[in-house]
Amino acid sequence: MTTRQLVSTIDGLRHYGINSQSETKFQIIHCDGKTMTLQSDYARLELKKF
């Protein structure tokens, strides 16, 4: 089994524009006990509970 580390610090996200603005507001698109989807004017985050 291989484990892949995508991003370890916020510096790894700066390349993609995450945390490059002074404030980012996310709208909750979907949220239940297993998944949550957040959306801003430039990003969409899909989070899964594990």
PDB file of N, CA and C in Angstrom:
ATOM      1  N   MET A   1       0.843  -1.179   0.000  1.00  0.00           N
ATOM      2  CA  MET A   1       0.000   0.000   0.000  1.00  0.00           C
ATOM      3  C   MET A   1       0.890   1.244   0.000  1.00  0.00           C
ATOM      4  N   THR A   2       0.601   2.173  -0.878  1.00  0.00           N
ATOM      5  CA  THR A   2       1.358   3.424  -0.939  1.00  0.00           C
ATOM      6  C   THR A   2       0.520   4.565  -0.397  1.00  0.00           C
ATOM      7  N   THR A   3       1.165   5.437   0.325  1.00  0.00           N
ATOM      8  CA  THR A   3       0.511   6.637   0.831  1.00  0.00           C
ATOM      9  C   THR A   3       1.104   7.827   0.118  1.00  0.00           C
ATOM     10  N   ARG A   4       0.255   8.702  -0.332  1.00  0.00           N
ATOM     11  CA  ARG A   4       0.697   9.874  -1.066  1.00  0.00           C
ATOM     12  C   ARG A   4       0.392  11.113  -0.252  1.00  0.00           C
ATOM     13  N   GLN A   5       1.376  11.939  -0.019  1.00  0.00           N
ATOM     14  CA  GLN A   5       1.183  13.190   0.697  1.00  0.00           C
ATOM     15  C   GLN A   5       1.027  14.303  -0.334  1.00  0.00           C
ATOM     16  N   LEU A   6      -0.137  14.938  -0.354  1.00  0.00           N
ATOM     17  CA  LEU A   6      -0.404  15.966  -1.356  1.00  0.00           C
ATOM     18  C   LEU A   6       0.174  17.320  -0.952  1.00  0.00           C
ATOM     19  N   VAL A   7      -0.160  17.789   0.230  1.00  0.00           N
ATOM     20  CA  VAL A   7       0.310  19.093   0.693  1.00  0.00           C
ATOM     21  C   VAL A   7       0.596  18.983   2.186  1.00  0.00           C
ATOM     22  N   SER A   8       1.757  19.430   2.590  1.00  0.00           N
ATOM     23  CA  SER A   8       2.094  19.344   4.008  1.00  0.00           C
ATOM     24  C   SER A   8       1.946  20.683   4.723  1.00  0.00           C
ATOM     25  N   THR A   9       2.098  21.783   4.015  1.00  0.00           N
ATOM     26  CA  THR A   9       1.975  23.101   4.627  1.00  0.00           C
ATOM     27  C   THR A   9       1.179  24.018   3.705  1.00  0.00           C
ATOM     28  N   ILE A  10       0.823  25.162   4.220  1.00  0.00           N
ATOM     29  CA  ILE A  10       0.093  26.152   3.411  1.00  0.00           C
ATOM     30  C   ILE A  10       0.956  26.657   2.261  1.00  0.00           C
ATOM     31  N   ASP A  11       2.272  26.620   2.424  1.00  0.00           N
ATOM     32  CA  ASP A  11       3.161  27.049   1.342  1.00  0.00           C
ATOM     33  C   ASP A  11       2.968  26.191   0.097  1.00  0.00           C
ATOM     34  N   GLY A  12       2.627  24.928   0.272  1.00  0.00           N
ATOM     35  CA  GLY A  12       2.360  24.061  -0.862  1.00  0.00           C
ATOM     36  C   GLY A  12       1.097  24.435  -1.615  1.00  0.00           C
ATOM     37  N   LEU A  13       0.182  25.132  -0.961  1.00  0.00           N
ATOM     38  CA  LEU A  13      -1.065  25.560  -1.599  1.00  0.00           C
ATOM     39  C   LEU A  13      -0.949  26.899  -2.299  1.00  0.00           C
ATOM     40  N   ARG A  14       0.044  27.693  -1.947  1.00  0.00           N
ATOM     41  CA  ARG A  14       0.182  29.020  -2.555  1.00  0.00           C
ATOM     42  C   ARG A  14       0.335  28.943  -4.071  1.00  0.00           C
ATOM     43  N   HIS A  15       0.950  27.903  -4.558  1.00  0.00           N
ATOM     44  CA  HIS A  15       1.120  27.711  -5.998  1.00  0.00           C
ATOM     45  C   HIS A  15      -0.231  27.648  -6.720  1.00  0.00           C
ATOM     46  N   TYR A  16      -1.251  27.141  -6.023  1.00  0.00           N
ATOM     47  CA  TYR A  16      -2.581  26.998  -6.615  1.00  0.00           C
ATOM     48  C   TYR A  16      -3.496  28.177  -6.308  1.00  0.00           C
ATOM     49  N   GLY A  17      -2.987  29.208  -5.641  1.00  0.00           N
ATOM     50  CA  GLY A  17      -3.786  30.392  -5.356  1.00  0.00           C
ATOM     51  C   GLY A  17      -4.500  30.347  -4.024  1.00  0.00           C
ATOM     52  N   ILE A  18      -4.349  29.241  -3.276  1.00  0.00           N
ATOM     53  CA  ILE A  18      -4.956  29.146  -1.955  1.00  0.00           C
ATOM     54  C   ILE A  18      -4.127  29.995  -0.993  1.00  0.00           C
ATOM     55  N   ASN A  19      -4.765  30.787  -0.186  1.00  0.00           N
ATOM     56  CA  ASN A  19      -4.132  31.668   0.800  1.00  0.00           C
ATOM     57  C   ASN A  19      -3.335  32.799   0.155  1.00  0.00           C
ATOM     58  N   SER A  20      -3.627  33.138  -1.073  1.00  0.00           N
ATOM     59  CA  SER A  20      -2.953  34.267  -1.696  1.00  0.00           C
ATOM     60  C   SER A  20      -3.772  35.548  -1.541  1.00  0.00           C
ATOM     61  N   GLN A  21      -4.995  35.425  -1.059  1.00  0.00           N
ATOM     62  CA  GLN A  21      -5.845  36.577  -0.826  1.00  0.00           C
ATOM     63  C   GLN A  21      -5.865  36.873   0.663  1.00  0.00           C
ATOM     64  N   SER A  22      -6.198  38.088   1.015  1.00  0.00           N
ATOM     65  CA  SER A  22      -6.234  38.444   2.433  1.00  0.00           C
ATOM     66  C   SER A  22      -7.395  37.754   3.154  1.00  0.00           C
ATOM     67  N   GLU A  23      -8.514  37.530   2.459  1.00  0.00           N
ATOM     68  CA  GLU A  23      -9.659  36.841   3.060  1.00  0.00           C
ATOM     69  C   GLU A  23     -10.412  36.095   1.978  1.00  0.00           C
ATOM     70  N   THR A  24     -10.769  34.865   2.251  1.00  0.00           N
ATOM     71  CA  THR A  24     -11.554  34.064   1.329  1.00  0.00           C
ATOM     72  C   THR A  24     -12.799  33.586   2.051  1.00  0.00           C
ATOM     73  N   LYS A  25     -13.942  33.831   1.457  1.00  0.00           N
ATOM     74  CA  LYS A  25     -15.205  33.380   2.038  1.00  0.00           C
ATOM     75  C   LYS A  25     -15.722  32.214   1.216  1.00  0.00           C
ATOM     76  N   PHE A  26     -16.055  31.108   1.916  1.00  0.00           N
ATOM     77  CA  PHE A  26     -16.589  29.920   1.264  1.00  0.00           C
ATOM     78  C   PHE A  26     -18.065  29.772   1.594  1.00  0.00           C
ATOM     79  N   GLN A  27     -18.832  29.398   0.593  1.00  0.00           N
ATOM     80  CA  GLN A  27     -20.244  29.090   0.766  1.00  0.00           C
ATOM     81  C   GLN A  27     -20.366  27.584   0.931  1.00  0.00           C
ATOM     82  N   ILE A  28     -21.188  27.132   1.882  1.00  0.00           N
ATOM     83  CA  ILE A  28     -21.403  25.703   2.070  1.00  0.00           C
ATOM     84  C   ILE A  28     -22.421  25.251   1.029  1.00  0.00           C
ATOM     85  N   ILE A  29     -21.975  24.420   0.106  1.00  0.00           N
ATOM     86  CA  ILE A  29     -22.839  23.903  -0.963  1.00  0.00           C
ATOM     87  C   ILE A  29     -23.561  22.646  -0.492  1.00  0.00           C
ATOM     88  N   HIS A  30     -22.823  21.771   0.182  1.00  0.00           N
ATOM     89  CA  HIS A  30     -23.378  20.504   0.643  1.00  0.00           C
ATOM     90  C   HIS A  30     -22.676  20.119   1.935  1.00  0.00           C
ATOM     91  N   CYS A  31     -23.442  19.609   2.892  1.00  0.00           N
ATOM     92  CA  CYS A  31     -22.831  19.162   4.144  1.00  0.00           C
ATOM     93  C   CYS A  31     -23.720  18.105   4.778  1.00  0.00           C
ATOM     94  N   ASP A  32     -23.160  16.921   4.995  1.00  0.00           N
ATOM     95  CA  ASP A  32     -23.841  15.885   5.761  1.00  0.00           C
ATOM     96  C   ASP A  32     -22.789  15.247   6.671  1.00  0.00           C
ATOM     97  N   GLY A  33     -23.057  14.136   7.243  1.00  0.00           N
ATOM     98  CA  GLY A  33     -22.123  13.528   8.175  1.00  0.00           C
ATOM     99  C   GLY A  33     -20.877  12.944   7.534  1.00  0.00           C
ATOM    100  N   LYS A  34     -20.869  12.819   6.203  1.00  0.00           N
ATOM    101  CA  LYS A  34     -19.747  12.166   5.529  1.00  0.00           C
ATOM    102  C   LYS A  34     -18.969  13.082   4.589  1.00  0.00           C
ATOM    103  N   THR A  35     -19.647  14.028   3.959  1.00  0.00           N
ATOM    104  CA  THR A  35     -18.974  14.898   2.987  1.00  0.00           C
ATOM    105  C   THR A  35     -19.395  16.348   3.189  1.00  0.00           C
ATOM    106  N   MET A  36     -18.523  17.246   2.748  1.00  0.00           N
ATOM    107  CA  MET A  36     -18.830  18.673   2.777  1.00  0.00           C
ATOM    108  C   MET A  36     -18.214  19.314   1.535  1.00  0.00           C
ATOM    109  N   THR A  37     -18.969  20.141   0.859  1.00  0.00           N
ATOM    110  CA  THR A  37     -18.492  20.860  -0.314  1.00  0.00           C
ATOM    111  C   THR A  37     -18.576  22.350  -0.039  1.00  0.00           C
ATOM    112  N   LEU A  38     -17.431  23.035  -0.193  1.00  0.00           N
ATOM    113  CA  LEU A  38     -17.337  24.475   0.001  1.00  0.00           C
ATOM    114  C   LEU A  38     -16.947  25.119  -1.313  1.00  0.00           C
ATOM    115  N   GLN A  39     -17.469  26.309  -1.590  1.00  0.00           N
ATOM    116  CA  GLN A  39     -17.152  26.989  -2.835  1.00  0.00           C
ATOM    117  C   GLN A  39     -16.933  28.470  -2.579  1.00  0.00           C
ATOM    118  N   SER A  40     -15.887  29.007  -3.201  1.00  0.00           N
ATOM    119  CA  SER A  40     -15.629  30.446  -3.163  1.00  0.00           C
ATOM    120  C   SER A  40     -15.690  30.965  -4.587  1.00  0.00           C
ATOM    121  N   ASP A  41     -15.246  32.193  -4.784  1.00  0.00           N
ATOM    122  CA  ASP A  41     -15.276  32.757  -6.135  1.00  0.00           C
ATOM    123  C   ASP A  41     -14.222  32.129  -7.046  1.00  0.00           C
ATOM    124  N   TYR A  42     -13.254  31.392  -6.492  1.00  0.00           N
ATOM    125  CA  TYR A  42     -12.219  30.808  -7.340  1.00  0.00           C
ATOM    126  C   TYR A  42     -11.898  29.350  -7.039  1.00  0.00           C
ATOM    127  N   ALA A  43     -12.471  28.774  -5.983  1.00  0.00           N
ATOM    128  CA  ALA A  43     -12.121  27.400  -5.620  1.00  0.00           C
ATOM    129  C   ALA A  43     -13.345  26.642  -5.148  1.00  0.00           C
ATOM    130  N   ARG A  44     -13.306  25.338  -5.345  1.00  0.00           N
ATOM    131  CA  ARG A  44     -14.330  24.431  -4.846  1.00  0.00           C
ATOM    132  C   ARG A  44     -13.610  23.326  -4.086  1.00  0.00           C
ATOM    133  N   LEU A  45     -13.937  23.165  -2.807  1.00  0.00           N
ATOM    134  CA  LEU A  45     -13.305  22.164  -1.973  1.00  0.00           C
ATOM    135  C   LEU A  45     -14.302  21.074  -1.652  1.00  0.00           C
ATOM    136  N   GLU A  46     -13.921  19.831  -1.900  1.00  0.00           N
ATOM    137  CA  GLU A  46     -14.755  18.686  -1.563  1.00  0.00           C
ATOM    138  C   GLU A  46     -14.027  17.874  -0.512  1.00  0.00           C
ATOM    139  N   LEU A  47     -14.600  17.834   0.688  1.00  0.00           N
ATOM    140  CA  LEU A  47     -13.975  17.184   1.827  1.00  0.00           C
ATOM    141  C   LEU A  47     -14.739  15.927   2.194  1.00  0.00           C
ATOM    142  N   LYS A  48     -14.006  14.850   2.558  1.00  0.00           N
ATOM    143  CA  LYS A  48     -14.609  13.595   2.966  1.00  0.00           C
ATOM    144  C   LYS A  48     -14.108  13.208   4.345  1.00  0.00           C
ATOM    145  N   LYS A  49     -15.018  12.748   5.173  1.00  0.00           N
ATOM    146  CA  LYS A  49     -14.660  12.273   6.506  1.00  0.00           C
ATOM    147  C   LYS A  49     -14.083  10.873   6.370  1.00  0.00           C
ATOM    148  N   PHE A  50     -13.016  10.622   7.107  1.00  0.00           N
ATOM    149  CA  PHE A  50     -12.470   9.261   7.112  1.00  0.00           C
ATOM    150  C   PHE A  50     -12.041   8.869   8.489  1.00  0.00           C
TER     151      PHE A  50
END
